[in-house]
N, C-alpha and C. Protein backbone atom coordinates (compact mmCIF):
# COMPACT_ATOMS: atom_id res chain seq x y z
N MET A 1 -202.22 134.14 -160.75
CA MET A 1 -201.62 132.84 -160.59
C MET A 1 -200.11 132.98 -160.43
N GLU A 2 -199.55 133.94 -161.15
CA GLU A 2 -198.10 134.14 -161.03
C GLU A 2 -197.70 134.56 -159.62
N LEU A 3 -198.51 135.41 -158.99
CA LEU A 3 -198.20 135.84 -157.62
C LEU A 3 -198.30 134.67 -156.65
N VAL A 4 -199.26 133.80 -156.84
CA VAL A 4 -199.40 132.62 -155.98
C VAL A 4 -198.18 131.72 -156.15
N GLU A 5 -197.78 131.49 -157.39
CA GLU A 5 -196.62 130.64 -157.65
C GLU A 5 -195.34 131.26 -157.06
N GLU A 6 -195.20 132.56 -157.21
CA GLU A 6 -194.03 133.24 -156.66
C GLU A 6 -194.00 133.14 -155.13
N ALA A 7 -195.15 133.34 -154.49
CA ALA A 7 -195.21 133.24 -153.03
C ALA A 7 -194.85 131.83 -152.57
N ALA A 8 -195.34 130.82 -153.27
CA ALA A 8 -195.01 129.44 -152.92
C ALA A 8 -193.52 129.19 -153.08
N ARG A 9 -192.98 129.65 -154.18
CA ARG A 9 -191.55 129.45 -154.45
C ARG A 9 -190.69 130.10 -153.36
N LYS A 10 -191.05 131.33 -152.97
CA LYS A 10 -190.28 132.03 -151.93
C LYS A 10 -190.33 131.31 -150.60
N ARG A 11 -191.39 130.55 -150.36
CA ARG A 11 -191.51 129.78 -149.11
C ARG A 11 -190.99 128.35 -149.26
N GLY A 12 -190.43 128.05 -150.43
CA GLY A 12 -189.87 126.72 -150.65
C GLY A 12 -190.92 125.65 -150.86
N LEU A 13 -192.09 126.06 -151.32
CA LEU A 13 -193.19 125.12 -151.53
C LEU A 13 -193.42 124.87 -153.01
N ALA A 14 -193.84 123.69 -153.34
CA ALA A 14 -194.15 123.34 -154.72
C ALA A 14 -195.50 123.92 -155.11
N SER A 15 -195.66 124.20 -156.38
CA SER A 15 -196.96 124.64 -156.87
C SER A 15 -197.24 123.97 -158.21
N LYS A 16 -198.49 123.92 -158.54
CA LYS A 16 -198.92 123.27 -159.78
C LYS A 16 -200.18 123.97 -160.25
N ARG A 17 -200.19 124.41 -161.50
CA ARG A 17 -201.41 125.02 -162.04
C ARG A 17 -202.41 123.92 -162.34
N MET A 18 -203.63 124.16 -161.89
CA MET A 18 -204.69 123.17 -162.08
C MET A 18 -205.95 123.90 -162.52
N THR A 19 -206.73 123.23 -163.34
CA THR A 19 -208.04 123.76 -163.70
C THR A 19 -209.05 123.13 -162.76
N SER A 20 -209.88 123.97 -162.16
CA SER A 20 -210.90 123.45 -161.25
C SER A 20 -212.27 123.56 -161.90
N GLY A 21 -213.00 122.51 -161.87
CA GLY A 21 -214.36 122.54 -162.38
C GLY A 21 -215.37 122.70 -161.26
N ALA A 22 -214.86 123.00 -160.07
CA ALA A 22 -215.74 123.04 -158.90
C ALA A 22 -216.65 124.26 -158.89
N GLY A 23 -216.31 125.31 -159.61
CA GLY A 23 -217.17 126.48 -159.64
C GLY A 23 -217.21 127.27 -158.35
N HIS A 24 -216.09 127.33 -157.65
CA HIS A 24 -216.01 128.09 -156.41
C HIS A 24 -216.29 129.56 -156.68
N ASP A 25 -216.21 130.38 -155.66
CA ASP A 25 -216.46 131.82 -155.81
C ASP A 25 -215.59 132.44 -156.89
N ALA A 26 -214.41 131.90 -157.11
CA ALA A 26 -213.51 132.46 -158.12
C ALA A 26 -214.15 132.47 -159.50
N GLN A 27 -215.03 131.53 -159.75
CA GLN A 27 -215.70 131.47 -161.05
C GLN A 27 -216.56 132.72 -161.27
N MET A 28 -217.22 133.19 -160.23
CA MET A 28 -218.04 134.39 -160.35
C MET A 28 -217.18 135.65 -160.36
N ILE A 29 -216.17 135.69 -159.52
CA ILE A 29 -215.28 136.85 -159.45
C ILE A 29 -214.53 137.03 -160.75
N ALA A 30 -214.16 135.93 -161.41
CA ALA A 30 -213.38 136.01 -162.65
C ALA A 30 -214.10 136.79 -163.74
N ARG A 31 -215.39 136.95 -163.62
CA ARG A 31 -216.15 137.74 -164.60
C ARG A 31 -215.82 139.22 -164.52
N ILE A 32 -215.35 139.66 -163.35
CA ILE A 32 -215.10 141.09 -163.17
C ILE A 32 -213.66 141.42 -162.78
N ALA A 33 -212.90 140.41 -162.36
CA ALA A 33 -211.52 140.67 -161.92
C ALA A 33 -210.70 139.38 -162.03
N PRO A 34 -209.40 139.52 -162.19
CA PRO A 34 -208.56 138.31 -162.20
C PRO A 34 -208.71 137.55 -160.89
N SER A 35 -208.68 136.25 -160.96
CA SER A 35 -208.83 135.46 -159.73
C SER A 35 -207.98 134.20 -159.82
N ALA A 36 -207.67 133.65 -158.67
CA ALA A 36 -206.94 132.39 -158.58
C ALA A 36 -207.35 131.75 -157.26
N MET A 37 -207.15 130.46 -157.18
CA MET A 37 -207.44 129.74 -155.94
C MET A 37 -206.16 129.06 -155.46
N ILE A 38 -206.04 128.95 -154.17
CA ILE A 38 -204.91 128.26 -153.56
C ILE A 38 -205.45 126.96 -152.99
N PHE A 39 -205.02 125.86 -153.55
CA PHE A 39 -205.42 124.55 -153.06
C PHE A 39 -204.31 123.99 -152.18
N VAL A 40 -204.68 123.33 -151.12
CA VAL A 40 -203.71 122.61 -150.28
C VAL A 40 -204.08 121.13 -150.34
N PRO A 41 -203.09 120.25 -150.21
CA PRO A 41 -203.37 118.82 -150.36
C PRO A 41 -204.18 118.25 -149.21
N SER A 42 -205.12 117.41 -149.57
CA SER A 42 -205.89 116.65 -148.58
C SER A 42 -205.39 115.21 -148.60
N LEU A 43 -205.31 114.61 -147.44
CA LEU A 43 -204.83 113.23 -147.36
C LEU A 43 -205.67 112.31 -148.24
N GLY A 44 -204.98 111.53 -149.04
CA GLY A 44 -205.67 110.59 -149.93
C GLY A 44 -206.39 111.26 -151.08
N GLY A 45 -206.22 112.56 -151.24
CA GLY A 45 -206.88 113.27 -152.33
C GLY A 45 -208.39 113.43 -152.12
N ILE A 46 -208.86 113.16 -150.91
CA ILE A 46 -210.30 113.24 -150.62
C ILE A 46 -210.67 114.69 -150.34
N SER A 47 -211.66 115.20 -151.07
CA SER A 47 -212.14 116.56 -150.81
C SER A 47 -213.65 116.61 -150.92
N HIS A 48 -214.23 117.63 -150.33
CA HIS A 48 -215.68 117.82 -150.32
C HIS A 48 -216.38 116.56 -149.79
N ASN A 49 -215.85 116.07 -148.68
CA ASN A 49 -216.33 114.83 -148.10
C ASN A 49 -216.03 114.88 -146.60
N PRO A 50 -216.88 114.33 -145.77
CA PRO A 50 -216.61 114.35 -144.32
C PRO A 50 -215.27 113.72 -143.94
N ARG A 51 -214.74 112.84 -144.79
CA ARG A 51 -213.46 112.19 -144.49
C ARG A 51 -212.26 113.05 -144.90
N GLU A 52 -212.53 114.21 -145.50
CA GLU A 52 -211.43 115.08 -145.93
C GLU A 52 -210.62 115.52 -144.72
N HIS A 53 -209.29 115.47 -144.88
CA HIS A 53 -208.41 115.95 -143.81
C HIS A 53 -207.15 116.54 -144.43
N THR A 54 -206.78 117.70 -143.96
CA THR A 54 -205.54 118.35 -144.37
C THR A 54 -204.76 118.68 -143.11
N PRO A 55 -203.52 118.25 -143.04
CA PRO A 55 -202.71 118.55 -141.85
C PRO A 55 -202.60 120.06 -141.61
N ASP A 56 -202.53 120.42 -140.33
CA ASP A 56 -202.45 121.84 -139.95
C ASP A 56 -201.31 122.56 -140.68
N ALA A 57 -200.17 121.89 -140.81
CA ALA A 57 -199.02 122.54 -141.45
C ALA A 57 -199.34 122.94 -142.89
N ASP A 58 -200.10 122.12 -143.60
CA ASP A 58 -200.47 122.45 -144.98
C ASP A 58 -201.49 123.58 -145.02
N LEU A 59 -202.42 123.60 -144.06
CA LEU A 59 -203.39 124.69 -143.98
C LEU A 59 -202.69 126.01 -143.70
N ILE A 60 -201.72 125.98 -142.79
CA ILE A 60 -200.97 127.19 -142.45
C ILE A 60 -200.15 127.66 -143.65
N ALA A 61 -199.54 126.72 -144.37
CA ALA A 61 -198.76 127.08 -145.56
C ALA A 61 -199.66 127.77 -146.59
N GLY A 62 -200.85 127.24 -146.82
CA GLY A 62 -201.78 127.86 -147.76
C GLY A 62 -202.21 129.24 -147.31
N ALA A 63 -202.47 129.40 -146.02
CA ALA A 63 -202.86 130.70 -145.48
C ALA A 63 -201.72 131.71 -145.60
N ASN A 64 -200.49 131.25 -145.41
CA ASN A 64 -199.34 132.15 -145.54
C ASN A 64 -199.14 132.59 -146.98
N ILE A 65 -199.40 131.71 -147.92
CA ILE A 65 -199.31 132.09 -149.33
C ILE A 65 -200.36 133.16 -149.64
N LEU A 66 -201.57 132.95 -149.15
CA LEU A 66 -202.62 133.95 -149.34
C LEU A 66 -202.20 135.28 -148.71
N LEU A 67 -201.67 135.25 -147.51
CA LEU A 67 -201.19 136.47 -146.85
C LEU A 67 -200.13 137.17 -147.70
N ASP A 68 -199.19 136.40 -148.22
CA ASP A 68 -198.12 136.99 -149.04
C ASP A 68 -198.69 137.66 -150.29
N VAL A 69 -199.63 137.01 -150.94
CA VAL A 69 -200.22 137.56 -152.17
C VAL A 69 -201.01 138.82 -151.86
N VAL A 70 -201.84 138.79 -150.83
CA VAL A 70 -202.64 139.96 -150.47
C VAL A 70 -201.74 141.13 -150.05
N THR A 71 -200.70 140.83 -149.30
CA THR A 71 -199.76 141.87 -148.89
C THR A 71 -199.10 142.50 -150.11
N ARG A 72 -198.69 141.67 -151.03
CA ARG A 72 -198.06 142.19 -152.26
C ARG A 72 -199.03 143.05 -153.04
N LEU A 73 -200.26 142.61 -153.21
CA LEU A 73 -201.25 143.39 -153.96
C LEU A 73 -201.55 144.73 -153.27
N ALA A 74 -201.56 144.70 -151.95
CA ALA A 74 -201.87 145.91 -151.19
C ALA A 74 -200.76 146.96 -151.26
N THR A 75 -199.54 146.51 -151.56
CA THR A 75 -198.42 147.44 -151.58
C THR A 75 -198.02 147.86 -153.00
N GLU A 76 -198.71 147.35 -153.98
CA GLU A 76 -198.39 147.74 -155.38
C GLU A 76 -199.09 149.00 -155.76
């Protein structure tokens, strides 16, 4: 989570720690390795619904944070 927050900060993006009850893949991975999820905002807070929409810029920002974290982990 710290690496995700650091990557967001370096890109000038806000971050917020949240607990997810959704049980995504991270829930299973967390049993064997540290895990975190990167959430990007959906318009109106709608998620897991056909009306869910996230602007391309937010999707790209989330993907870039993931890239930054993976790159950092790969070089440590």
